[in-house]
Amino acid sequence: MRWVTQWRSSSSSSYGRRSIHSSSLLGGRFSFPLGSDQQRLQAQFASQLQACRDLATARRLHARILATALRSDTFTANLLVQLYGRCGCPEIARQTFDGILARNSFSWNIVMAANAQNRHLENAKSVFDKMPERDVVTWTAMMASFAERGDLFCPKQLFDSMPERNVVSWNVFVGAYAQQEQLEPSKGAFLRMPCHSIVSWNSMLTAYAQGQQIDRASEFFESMPQRDVISWNIAISTLAQTGDLVKAKKLLDLMPAVGIVCWTAMVVANGQLCQLEQAKKIFDSMPDRDDLAGTAMVTAFAQNGDVDSAKAVFDAMPEHSVYAWNALLAAYALNSRPGRAMEIFATMPEKDVVSWNVVLAMLSQRDQDGRGSAIQLFQSMLLEGFLPNDISHLCVLIACSRVGSIHAGRDCFAAMSSDHGSTPERVHYSCMVDLLARTGQLLLAQDLIETMPFFPDDVEWLTLTVSGAPAGPRLMDLRPGRSGPYVVLSNSMLAP
């Protein structure tokens, strides 16, 4: 979230540019004599803890620390709590925090952050409520964590309860409403601010942009007393994404120092609008390119069917992230070259859920021989430890419907909420209705339509009618003024 990044940056500058790795922010150092073996050991462990990024190494470092005098050092313990949070283990972070004999305010802030950054917000709030003392940074961090999840009620409660506020607190509050496209509350908070920073102006610009108030966003941009690279990025990206490439290019030409984000946004927009030559011209004129710029150009070629040029851009990139690999994979998958797509998928040095979804989508549309290739790939995805998302499940349900695999489809649908933490949406229910209808389970399909947490529309009833179920009256009630349902119903009655 753009505004969260902005407030964190401004928070750092507002509080003396304190780094989270600095000894002052972590609660000071244990009182070892200057130059002693203990002090050198502490500095050595601090460096290793700050550089660590994986749980296995974290556990080894923790075990080594417990065998030294540093086992009772608050500074080192704070680093451990922070490390476990960074490794995605808030439970271990809390256990380590509970073992700190002399906790300080930084210990409390770090364990709260460890839970918040791993989306354990209820636990983070519990820590917040138990804190012996809180400062404005603590209040603001808690508010930002809820806002980042899309919650507006808790941030407002926290904001209203804050004993003191600063410009960062106000920025988070404005940004929370902006992110959820709540334009009027965001504007109201912005106007009530006692003073504004560049982050405040950018948050309000974001609110107009995300609310599709393009003209107002342009006017607001022109009225800003100061602009930074983020301001220009928001304005140019918004115009590009809404298809106004002429205005976007004019702003790009006026930008004092064109950032790579703006260049990339223009490449993406031109590619999506089939302006491939212009996308290539912009890409070739970029003074600097990063992985995302190259990925954008690969995607632009792929969207316009030029797979060979997409591969040439990919090969010219000095480094390849998983995003670049996914773009190349999608280029072959989208342009009917499944064999090459499978070769790339098999040789990718790193995969994420998007990689799997690209191949699942390709196989679900091509699985006409009844082999269930997409279903088999989904099982491999689970075995390799990847957590499927709603798109993964949708691809599998489509594949199950095409090959008539009722058992695999029902298992996939049930596992969405029970095992994989996803909530089935209307499109998943529609696919399941289609699968049940295709396999002759008409009563079950009708029961699913009548009990799903959405009001059924003509898509579900049409599916049932085409399959021979007596759903005609329901279909007429939904769209009485349209001829389509009557045609479908008459055809189904005339069919042998």
Protein backbone atom coordinates (compact mmCIF):
# COMPACT_ATOMS: atom_id res chain seq x y z
CA MET A 1 0.00 0.00 0.00
CA ARG A 2 1.54 3.24 -1.19
CA TRP A 3 0.39 5.42 1.71
CA VAL A 4 1.65 2.94 4.32
CA THR A 5 5.10 3.13 2.81
CA GLN A 6 4.87 6.92 2.86
CA TRP A 7 3.87 7.18 6.51
CA ARG A 8 6.60 4.78 7.58
CA SER A 9 9.17 6.85 5.72
CA SER A 10 7.90 10.07 7.22
CA SER A 11 7.75 8.47 10.67
CA SER A 12 11.44 7.65 10.39
CA SER A 13 12.32 11.23 9.56
CA SER A 14 9.98 12.66 12.20
CA TYR A 15 11.68 10.76 14.97
CA GLY A 16 15.27 11.62 14.32
CA ARG A 17 15.73 9.06 11.54
CA ARG A 18 15.92 6.24 14.07
CA SER A 19 16.48 2.87 12.46
CA ILE A 20 14.73 -0.18 13.88
CA HIS A 21 18.16 -1.81 14.00
CA SER A 22 19.73 0.95 16.05
CA SER A 23 20.68 0.27 19.63
CA SER A 24 18.61 3.20 20.91
CA LEU A 25 15.41 1.95 19.34
CA LEU A 26 15.99 -1.61 20.55
CA GLY A 27 16.39 -0.51 24.11
CA GLY A 28 20.07 0.26 24.53
CA ARG A 29 22.92 -2.14 25.08
CA PHE A 30 23.68 -4.26 28.10
CA SER A 31 26.25 -2.58 30.33
CA PHE A 32 29.28 -4.53 29.21
CA PRO A 33 32.68 -2.85 29.67
CA LEU A 34 33.84 -1.11 26.52
CA GLY A 35 36.01 -3.46 24.45
CA SER A 36 35.14 -6.51 26.54
CA ASP A 37 34.62 -9.96 25.07
CA GLN A 38 30.91 -9.73 25.95
CA GLN A 39 30.50 -6.49 24.05
CA ARG A 40 32.24 -7.90 20.99
CA LEU A 41 30.07 -11.02 21.19
CA GLN A 42 26.94 -8.86 21.43
CA ALA A 43 27.95 -6.86 18.35
CA GLN A 44 28.68 -10.08 16.45
CA PHE A 45 25.29 -11.61 17.28
CA ALA A 46 23.50 -8.32 16.53
CA SER A 47 24.96 -8.27 13.03
CA GLN A 48 23.99 -11.90 12.40
CA LEU A 49 20.46 -11.46 13.77
CA GLN A 50 19.84 -8.38 11.64
CA ALA A 51 21.07 -10.16 8.49
CA CYS A 52 19.14 -13.38 9.11
CA ARG A 53 16.06 -14.10 6.98
CA ASP A 54 15.21 -17.78 7.58
CA LEU A 55 13.78 -19.67 10.55
CA ALA A 56 16.36 -22.48 10.68
CA THR A 57 19.25 -20.02 11.02
CA ALA A 58 17.23 -18.01 13.55
CA ARG A 59 16.81 -21.06 15.76
CA ARG A 60 20.51 -21.88 15.56
CA LEU A 61 21.48 -18.34 16.51
CA HIS A 62 18.97 -18.39 19.38
CA ALA A 63 20.43 -21.65 20.74
CA ARG A 64 23.94 -20.21 20.62
CA ILE A 65 22.86 -17.04 22.41
CA LEU A 66 21.23 -19.04 25.21
CA ALA A 67 24.62 -20.64 25.90
CA THR A 68 26.23 -17.25 26.58
CA ALA A 69 25.86 -14.35 29.01
CA LEU A 70 23.67 -12.65 26.40
CA ARG A 71 20.73 -14.87 27.35
CA SER A 72 19.61 -12.15 29.78
CA ASP A 73 20.45 -9.19 27.51
CA THR A 74 17.38 -7.15 26.62
CA PHE A 75 18.94 -5.65 23.49
CA THR A 76 19.76 -9.08 22.03
CA ALA A 77 16.38 -10.47 23.05
CA ASN A 78 14.63 -7.62 21.28
CA LEU A 79 16.55 -8.47 18.12
CA LEU A 80 15.43 -12.10 18.44
CA VAL A 81 11.76 -11.09 18.81
CA GLN A 82 12.11 -8.91 15.74
CA LEU A 83 13.79 -11.72 13.79
CA TYR A 84 11.06 -14.26 14.55
CA GLY A 85 8.47 -11.75 13.41
CA ARG A 86 10.41 -11.23 10.19
CA CYS A 87 10.51 -15.01 9.65
CA GLY A 88 6.72 -15.23 9.96
CA CYS A 89 6.67 -16.81 13.41
CA PRO A 90 4.78 -14.46 15.75
CA GLU A 91 4.12 -17.29 18.23
CA ILE A 92 7.86 -17.86 18.77
CA ALA A 93 8.36 -14.10 18.88
CA ARG A 94 5.83 -13.93 21.74
CA GLN A 95 7.51 -16.83 23.59
CA THR A 96 10.85 -15.06 23.31
CA PHE A 97 9.27 -11.83 24.53
CA ASP A 98 7.75 -13.64 27.51
CA GLY A 99 11.24 -14.81 28.46
CA ILE A 100 12.71 -11.28 28.63
CA LEU A 101 13.45 -10.49 32.27
CA ALA A 102 13.85 -6.71 31.87
CA ARG A 103 11.42 -5.65 29.17
CA ASN A 104 11.49 -2.07 27.94
CA SER A 105 9.07 -0.11 25.77
CA PHE A 106 10.89 -1.30 22.68
CA SER A 107 10.31 -4.93 23.64
CA TRP A 108 6.56 -4.27 23.71
CA ASN A 109 6.60 -2.37 20.41
CA ILE A 110 8.60 -5.08 18.65
CA VAL A 111 6.38 -7.98 19.75
CA MET A 112 3.32 -5.96 18.75
CA ALA A 113 4.88 -5.35 15.33
CA ALA A 114 5.79 -9.05 14.98
CA ASN A 115 2.11 -9.96 15.31
CA ALA A 116 0.85 -7.08 13.20
CA GLN A 117 3.17 -7.69 10.24
CA ASN A 118 2.00 -11.32 10.18
CA ARG A 119 -1.65 -10.24 10.23
CA HIS A 120 -2.29 -11.52 13.77
CA LEU A 121 -3.99 -8.25 14.54
CA GLU A 122 -6.05 -9.49 17.46
CA ASN A 123 -2.86 -10.62 19.20
CA ALA A 124 -1.18 -7.34 18.30
CA LYS A 125 -4.11 -5.43 19.80
CA SER A 126 -3.90 -7.59 22.95
CA VAL A 127 -0.23 -6.66 23.33
CA PHE A 128 -1.11 -3.02 22.68
CA ASP A 129 -3.78 -3.06 25.41
CA LYS A 130 -1.34 -4.57 27.95
CA MET A 131 1.50 -2.11 27.26
CA PRO A 132 2.59 -0.26 30.39
CA GLU A 133 3.17 2.86 28.31
CA ARG A 134 2.49 3.93 24.73
CA ASP A 135 3.81 6.79 22.65
CA VAL A 136 2.45 8.32 19.47
CA VAL A 137 4.52 5.92 17.35
CA THR A 138 2.88 2.93 19.06
CA TRP A 139 -0.62 4.30 18.56
CA THR A 140 0.09 5.12 14.91
CA ALA A 141 1.62 1.71 14.18
CA MET A 142 -1.41 -0.07 15.62
CA MET A 143 -3.76 2.14 13.63
CA ALA A 144 -1.80 1.55 10.41
CA SER A 145 -1.87 -2.22 10.89
CA PHE A 146 -5.65 -2.31 11.05
CA ALA A 147 -5.94 0.14 8.16
CA GLU A 148 -3.67 -1.98 6.00
CA ARG A 149 -6.10 -4.88 6.45
CA GLY A 150 -8.93 -2.72 5.15
CA ASP A 151 -10.49 -2.15 8.58
CA LEU A 152 -11.79 1.40 9.05
CA PHE A 153 -13.65 0.98 12.35
CA CYS A 154 -10.62 0.14 14.55
CA PRO A 155 -8.38 2.87 13.09
CA LYS A 156 -11.07 5.46 13.79
CA GLN A 157 -11.48 4.20 17.37
CA LEU A 158 -7.74 4.35 17.92
CA PHE A 159 -7.41 7.76 16.29
CA ASP A 160 -10.21 9.20 18.42
CA SER A 161 -8.59 7.74 21.57
CA MET A 162 -5.06 8.97 20.93
CA PRO A 163 -3.82 11.24 23.73
CA GLU A 164 -1.71 13.13 21.20
CA ARG A 165 -1.39 13.15 17.42
CA ASN A 166 1.24 14.24 14.99
CA VAL A 167 1.28 14.69 11.24
CA VAL A 168 2.12 11.00 10.76
CA SER A 169 -0.97 9.94 12.71
CA TRP A 170 -3.11 12.20 10.57
CA ASN A 171 -1.49 10.85 7.40
CA VAL A 172 -2.34 7.27 8.36
CA PHE A 173 -5.92 8.27 9.14
CA VAL A 174 -6.36 10.08 5.82
CA GLY A 175 -4.64 7.25 3.95
CA ALA A 176 -6.84 4.59 5.54
CA TYR A 177 -9.97 6.15 4.06
CA ALA A 178 -8.21 6.86 0.77
CA GLN A 179 -7.18 3.24 0.36
CA GLN A 180 -10.79 2.10 0.78
CA GLU A 181 -12.00 4.71 -1.74
CA GLN A 182 -13.88 6.60 0.99
CA LEU A 183 -13.33 9.95 -0.67
CA GLU A 184 -15.46 12.27 1.47
CA PRO A 185 -14.20 11.01 4.89
CA SER A 186 -10.65 11.17 3.55
CA LYS A 187 -11.17 14.74 2.34
CA GLY A 188 -12.80 15.71 5.66
CA ALA A 189 -9.84 14.40 7.65
CA PHE A 190 -7.40 16.12 5.30
CA LEU A 191 -9.14 19.49 5.78
CA ARG A 192 -9.10 19.07 9.59
CA MET A 193 -5.35 18.46 9.72
CA PRO A 194 -3.53 21.21 11.65
CA CYS A 195 -0.64 20.98 9.17
CA HIS A 196 0.18 19.01 6.04
CA SER A 197 3.26 17.15 4.86
CA ILE A 198 3.98 15.90 1.36
CA VAL A 199 2.65 12.51 2.51
CA SER A 200 -0.67 14.17 3.41
CA TRP A 201 -1.00 15.68 -0.06
CA ASN A 202 -0.06 12.38 -1.71
CA SER A 203 -2.62 10.47 0.38
CA MET A 204 -5.36 12.82 -0.75
CA LEU A 205 -4.19 12.58 -4.35
CA THR A 206 -4.39 8.79 -3.99
CA ALA A 207 -7.96 9.12 -2.69
CA TYR A 208 -9.05 11.02 -5.80
CA ALA A 209 -7.18 8.61 -8.08
CA GLN A 210 -8.58 5.43 -6.54
CA GLY A 211 -12.06 6.95 -6.47
CA GLN A 212 -11.79 7.42 -10.27
CA GLN A 213 -12.15 11.18 -9.80
CA ILE A 214 -9.62 11.80 -12.53
CA ASP A 215 -10.43 15.46 -13.20
CA ARG A 216 -10.40 16.29 -9.50
CA ALA A 217 -7.15 14.36 -9.11
CA SER A 218 -5.59 16.43 -11.89
CA GLU A 219 -6.81 19.68 -10.33
CA PHE A 220 -5.55 18.61 -6.91
CA PHE A 221 -2.17 17.69 -8.38
CA GLU A 222 -1.88 21.14 -9.97
CA SER A 223 -2.77 22.83 -6.64
CA MET A 224 -0.19 20.95 -4.56
CA PRO A 225 2.30 23.35 -2.95
CA GLN A 226 5.06 20.77 -3.34
CA ARG A 227 5.46 17.51 -5.21
CA ASP A 228 7.85 14.62 -4.92
CA VAL A 229 8.48 11.63 -7.17
CA ILE A 230 5.55 9.80 -5.56
CA SER A 231 3.18 12.64 -6.47
CA TRP A 232 4.27 12.49 -10.10
CA ASN A 233 4.05 8.68 -10.11
CA ILE A 234 0.46 8.75 -8.82
CA ALA A 235 -0.65 11.38 -11.33
CA ILE A 236 1.03 9.80 -14.36
CA SER A 237 0.07 6.21 -13.43
CA THR A 238 -3.56 7.22 -12.88
CA LEU A 239 -3.83 8.86 -16.29
CA ALA A 240 -2.07 5.94 -17.97
CA GLN A 241 -4.25 3.32 -16.29
CA THR A 242 -7.43 5.12 -17.32
CA GLY A 243 -6.27 5.24 -20.94
CA ASP A 244 -5.50 8.95 -21.22
CA LEU A 245 -2.05 8.37 -22.67
CA VAL A 246 -1.78 11.84 -24.21
CA LYS A 247 -2.07 13.64 -20.86
CA ALA A 248 0.08 11.00 -19.18
CA LYS A 249 2.84 11.55 -21.76
CA LYS A 250 2.61 15.34 -21.30
CA LEU A 251 3.08 14.96 -17.55
CA LEU A 252 5.92 12.52 -18.13
CA ASP A 253 7.68 15.12 -20.26
CA LEU A 254 7.16 17.78 -17.57
CA MET A 255 8.44 15.64 -14.71
CA PRO A 256 11.71 17.12 -13.34
CA ALA A 257 13.37 13.75 -12.94
CA VAL A 258 11.41 10.95 -14.52
CA GLY A 259 11.30 7.94 -12.25
CA ILE A 260 11.34 4.37 -13.44
CA VAL A 261 7.86 3.81 -11.98
CA CYS A 262 6.36 6.35 -14.40
CA TRP A 263 8.19 4.91 -17.39
CA THR A 264 7.00 1.42 -16.46
CA ALA A 265 3.39 2.58 -15.99
CA MET A 266 3.45 4.03 -19.50
CA VAL A 267 4.79 0.78 -20.95
CA VAL A 268 2.05 -1.18 -19.16
CA ALA A 269 -0.74 1.17 -20.27
CA ASN A 270 0.35 1.22 -23.91
CA GLY A 271 0.65 -2.55 -23.91
CA GLN A 272 -2.86 -2.99 -22.50
CA LEU A 273 -4.27 -0.61 -25.11
CA CYS A 274 -2.52 -2.49 -27.95
CA GLN A 275 -0.19 0.45 -28.61
CA LEU A 276 2.74 -1.91 -28.93
CA GLU A 277 4.99 0.34 -31.01
CA GLN A 278 4.58 3.18 -28.52
CA ALA A 279 5.25 0.83 -25.61
CA LYS A 280 8.45 -0.35 -27.29
CA LYS A 281 9.47 3.25 -28.06
CA ILE A 282 9.04 4.26 -24.42
CA PHE A 283 10.85 1.16 -23.20
CA ASP A 284 13.80 1.77 -25.54
CA SER A 285 14.05 5.41 -24.41
CA MET A 286 14.21 4.59 -20.70
CA PRO A 287 17.53 5.80 -19.26
CA ASP A 288 17.46 3.00 -16.68
CA ARG A 289 15.53 -0.22 -16.52
CA ASP A 290 14.88 -2.60 -13.67
CA ASP A 291 13.31 -6.03 -13.50
CA LEU A 292 9.77 -4.64 -13.38
CA ALA A 293 10.31 -2.51 -16.48
CA GLY A 294 11.56 -5.53 -18.42
CA THR A 295 8.67 -7.60 -17.10
CA ALA A 296 6.22 -4.93 -18.26
CA MET A 297 7.66 -5.06 -21.78
CA VAL A 298 7.56 -8.86 -21.85
CA THR A 299 3.90 -8.67 -20.81
CA ALA A 300 3.12 -6.02 -23.44
CA PHE A 301 4.51 -8.23 -26.22
CA ALA A 302 2.67 -11.26 -24.82
CA GLN A 303 -0.67 -9.42 -24.66
CA ASN A 304 -0.27 -8.53 -28.32
CA GLY A 305 0.71 -12.03 -29.44
CA ASP A 306 4.40 -11.39 -30.13
CA VAL A 307 5.93 -14.23 -28.11
CA ASP A 308 9.30 -14.17 -29.86
CA SER A 309 9.86 -10.49 -29.02
CA ALA A 310 8.75 -11.18 -25.43
CA LYS A 311 11.41 -13.90 -25.22
CA ALA A 312 14.04 -11.57 -26.70
CA VAL A 313 13.36 -8.90 -24.06
CA PHE A 314 13.44 -11.56 -21.34
CA ASP A 315 16.80 -12.91 -22.57
CA ALA A 316 18.26 -9.38 -22.60
CA MET A 317 17.39 -8.77 -18.95
CA PRO A 318 20.44 -9.00 -16.68
CA GLU A 319 18.46 -10.63 -13.86
CA HIS A 320 15.15 -12.46 -13.69
CA SER A 321 12.80 -12.31 -10.73
CA VAL A 322 9.88 -14.68 -10.32
CA TYR A 323 7.70 -11.90 -11.81
CA ALA A 324 9.74 -11.91 -15.02
CA TRP A 325 9.56 -15.69 -15.22
CA ASN A 326 5.79 -15.55 -14.70
CA ALA A 327 5.45 -13.00 -17.52
CA LEU A 328 7.39 -15.24 -19.91
CA LEU A 329 5.41 -18.29 -18.79
CA ALA A 330 2.15 -16.41 -19.41
CA ALA A 331 3.39 -15.31 -22.84
CA TYR A 332 3.55 -18.91 -24.03
CA ALA A 333 0.46 -20.04 -22.12
CA LEU A 334 -1.73 -17.22 -23.46
CA ASN A 335 -0.56 -17.68 -27.04
CA SER A 336 -1.33 -21.39 -27.44
CA ARG A 337 2.15 -22.79 -26.96
CA PRO A 338 1.49 -25.16 -24.06
CA GLY A 339 4.50 -27.41 -24.66
CA ARG A 340 6.96 -24.54 -24.34
CA ALA A 341 5.03 -23.16 -21.36
CA MET A 342 5.39 -26.49 -19.54
CA GLU A 343 9.12 -26.55 -20.32
CA ILE A 344 9.57 -23.09 -18.82
CA PHE A 345 7.47 -24.00 -15.78
CA ALA A 346 9.57 -27.10 -15.18
CA THR A 347 12.86 -25.17 -15.35
CA MET A 348 11.89 -22.04 -13.39
CA PRO A 349 14.43 -21.47 -10.58
CA GLU A 350 11.66 -20.14 -8.35
CA LYS A 351 7.87 -20.43 -8.41
CA ASP A 352 5.06 -18.67 -6.59
CA VAL A 353 1.29 -19.17 -6.59
CA VAL A 354 0.98 -17.04 -9.75
CA SER A 355 3.27 -19.45 -11.61
CA TRP A 356 1.04 -22.37 -10.71
CA ASN A 357 -2.12 -20.43 -11.55
CA VAL A 358 -0.86 -19.56 -15.05
CA VAL A 359 -0.35 -23.23 -15.87
CA LEU A 360 -3.56 -24.30 -14.11
CA ALA A 361 -5.53 -21.78 -16.19
CA MET A 362 -3.88 -23.02 -19.39
CA LEU A 363 -4.56 -26.69 -18.65
CA SER A 364 -8.12 -26.08 -17.47
CA GLN A 365 -8.99 -24.57 -20.86
CA ARG A 366 -7.23 -27.26 -22.90
CA ASP A 367 -8.18 -30.38 -20.93
CA GLN A 368 -10.50 -31.93 -23.50
CA ASP A 369 -9.17 -35.50 -23.48
CA GLY A 370 -10.47 -36.32 -20.00
CA ARG A 371 -7.05 -36.81 -18.43
CA GLY A 372 -7.56 -34.11 -15.83
CA SER A 373 -4.10 -32.56 -16.24
CA ALA A 374 -5.07 -29.44 -14.28
CA ILE A 375 -6.38 -31.58 -11.42
CA GLN A 376 -3.12 -33.53 -11.31
CA LEU A 377 -1.10 -30.31 -11.34
CA PHE A 378 -3.20 -28.95 -8.47
CA GLN A 379 -2.30 -32.02 -6.41
CA SER A 380 1.38 -31.43 -7.17
CA MET A 381 0.98 -27.81 -6.08
CA LEU A 382 -0.34 -28.94 -2.70
CA LEU A 383 2.36 -31.58 -2.30
CA GLU A 384 5.07 -28.97 -2.91
CA GLY A 385 3.68 -26.83 -0.10
CA PHE A 386 2.09 -23.98 -2.07
CA LEU A 387 -1.14 -22.50 -0.67
CA PRO A 388 -3.71 -22.15 -3.47
CA ASN A 389 -5.80 -18.99 -3.70
CA ASP A 390 -9.25 -18.32 -5.12
CA ILE A 391 -7.89 -18.25 -8.69
CA SER A 392 -6.25 -21.66 -8.22
CA HIS A 393 -9.55 -23.14 -7.05
CA LEU A 394 -11.47 -21.54 -9.90
CA CYS A 395 -9.12 -23.10 -12.48
CA VAL A 396 -9.54 -26.53 -10.90
CA LEU A 397 -13.33 -26.24 -10.77
CA ILE A 398 -13.40 -25.28 -14.46
CA ALA A 399 -11.19 -28.28 -15.26
CA CYS A 400 -13.39 -30.61 -13.20
CA SER A 401 -16.46 -29.36 -15.04
CA ARG A 402 -14.84 -29.96 -18.43
CA VAL A 403 -13.80 -33.55 -17.63
CA GLY A 404 -16.81 -34.35 -15.40
CA SER A 405 -14.79 -35.08 -12.28
CA ILE A 406 -17.46 -34.62 -9.62
CA HIS A 407 -15.42 -35.98 -6.69
CA ALA A 408 -12.36 -33.83 -7.37
CA GLY A 409 -14.58 -30.78 -7.84
CA ARG A 410 -16.46 -31.30 -4.57
CA ASP A 411 -13.19 -31.88 -2.69
CA CYS A 412 -11.70 -28.70 -4.17
CA PHE A 413 -14.78 -26.64 -3.35
CA ALA A 414 -14.95 -27.91 0.23
CA ALA A 415 -11.20 -27.42 0.80
CA MET A 416 -11.35 -23.74 -0.12
CA SER A 417 -12.64 -22.69 3.29
CA SER A 418 -11.78 -25.73 5.41
CA ASP A 419 -8.13 -26.17 4.41
CA HIS A 420 -6.93 -23.21 2.36
CA GLY A 421 -8.43 -20.17 4.06
CA SER A 422 -10.35 -18.93 1.00
CA THR A 423 -14.01 -17.95 0.86
CA PRO A 424 -15.87 -19.22 -2.23
CA GLU A 425 -17.20 -16.36 -4.34
CA ARG A 426 -20.15 -16.34 -6.73
CA VAL A 427 -18.01 -17.56 -9.63
CA HIS A 428 -16.93 -20.63 -7.61
CA TYR A 429 -20.55 -21.45 -6.82
CA SER A 430 -21.47 -21.02 -10.49
CA CYS A 431 -18.71 -23.42 -11.53
CA MET A 432 -19.89 -25.93 -8.93
CA VAL A 433 -23.47 -25.64 -10.18
CA ASP A 434 -22.22 -26.23 -13.72
CA LEU A 435 -20.24 -29.29 -12.61
CA LEU A 436 -23.20 -30.80 -10.76
CA ALA A 437 -25.52 -30.13 -13.69
CA ARG A 438 -23.13 -31.60 -16.27
CA THR A 439 -22.78 -34.79 -14.23
CA GLY A 440 -26.54 -35.21 -13.80
CA GLN A 441 -26.71 -34.13 -10.16
CA LEU A 442 -29.60 -31.76 -10.87
CA LEU A 443 -31.22 -31.84 -7.43
CA LEU A 444 -27.89 -31.11 -5.76
CA ALA A 445 -27.26 -28.29 -8.24
CA GLN A 446 -30.67 -26.76 -7.49
CA ASP A 447 -30.11 -27.11 -3.76
CA LEU A 448 -26.73 -25.36 -4.07
CA ILE A 449 -28.32 -22.48 -6.00
CA GLU A 450 -31.01 -22.04 -3.35
CA THR A 451 -28.63 -22.18 -0.39
CA MET A 452 -25.60 -20.25 -1.67
CA PRO A 453 -24.89 -16.94 0.12
CA PHE A 454 -25.71 -14.94 -3.03
CA PHE A 455 -29.00 -14.17 -4.70
CA PRO A 456 -29.00 -16.48 -7.75
CA ASP A 457 -29.07 -14.83 -11.15
CA ASP A 458 -29.90 -16.13 -14.60
CA VAL A 459 -26.42 -17.69 -15.08
CA GLU A 460 -27.08 -20.38 -12.46
CA TRP A 461 -30.69 -21.01 -13.52
CA LEU A 462 -29.73 -21.06 -17.22
CA THR A 463 -27.13 -23.72 -16.43
CA LEU A 464 -29.76 -25.83 -14.71
CA THR A 465 -32.36 -25.29 -17.46
CA VAL A 466 -29.95 -26.31 -20.23
CA SER A 467 -29.21 -29.50 -18.28
CA GLY A 468 -32.91 -30.41 -18.24
CA ALA A 469 -34.01 -29.33 -14.78
CA PRO A 470 -37.43 -27.63 -14.42
CA ALA A 471 -36.01 -24.19 -13.66
CA GLY A 472 -37.94 -22.26 -16.30
CA PRO A 473 -40.30 -20.34 -13.96
CA ARG A 474 -37.37 -19.18 -11.79
CA LEU A 475 -35.56 -18.02 -14.91
CA MET A 476 -38.58 -16.02 -16.12
CA ASP A 477 -38.99 -14.34 -12.75
CA LEU A 478 -35.39 -13.11 -12.81
CA ARG A 479 -35.39 -11.51 -16.26
CA PRO A 480 -39.01 -11.18 -17.45
CA GLY A 481 -38.18 -8.57 -20.12
CA ARG A 482 -35.41 -10.48 -21.88
CA SER A 483 -35.91 -12.94 -24.70
CA GLY A 484 -32.84 -15.08 -23.93
CA PRO A 485 -34.42 -17.13 -21.13
CA TYR A 486 -37.49 -17.89 -23.31
CA VAL A 487 -35.28 -19.11 -26.17
CA VAL A 488 -33.30 -21.37 -23.84
CA LEU A 489 -36.48 -22.70 -22.26
CA SER A 490 -38.16 -23.41 -25.62
CA ASN A 491 -35.03 -25.13 -26.94
CA SER A 492 -34.84 -27.33 -23.86
CA MET A 493 -38.51 -28.32 -24.24
CA LEU A 494 -38.06 -29.19 -27.93
CA ALA A 495 -34.88 -31.22 -27.34
CA PRO A 496 -35.38 -35.00 -27.68
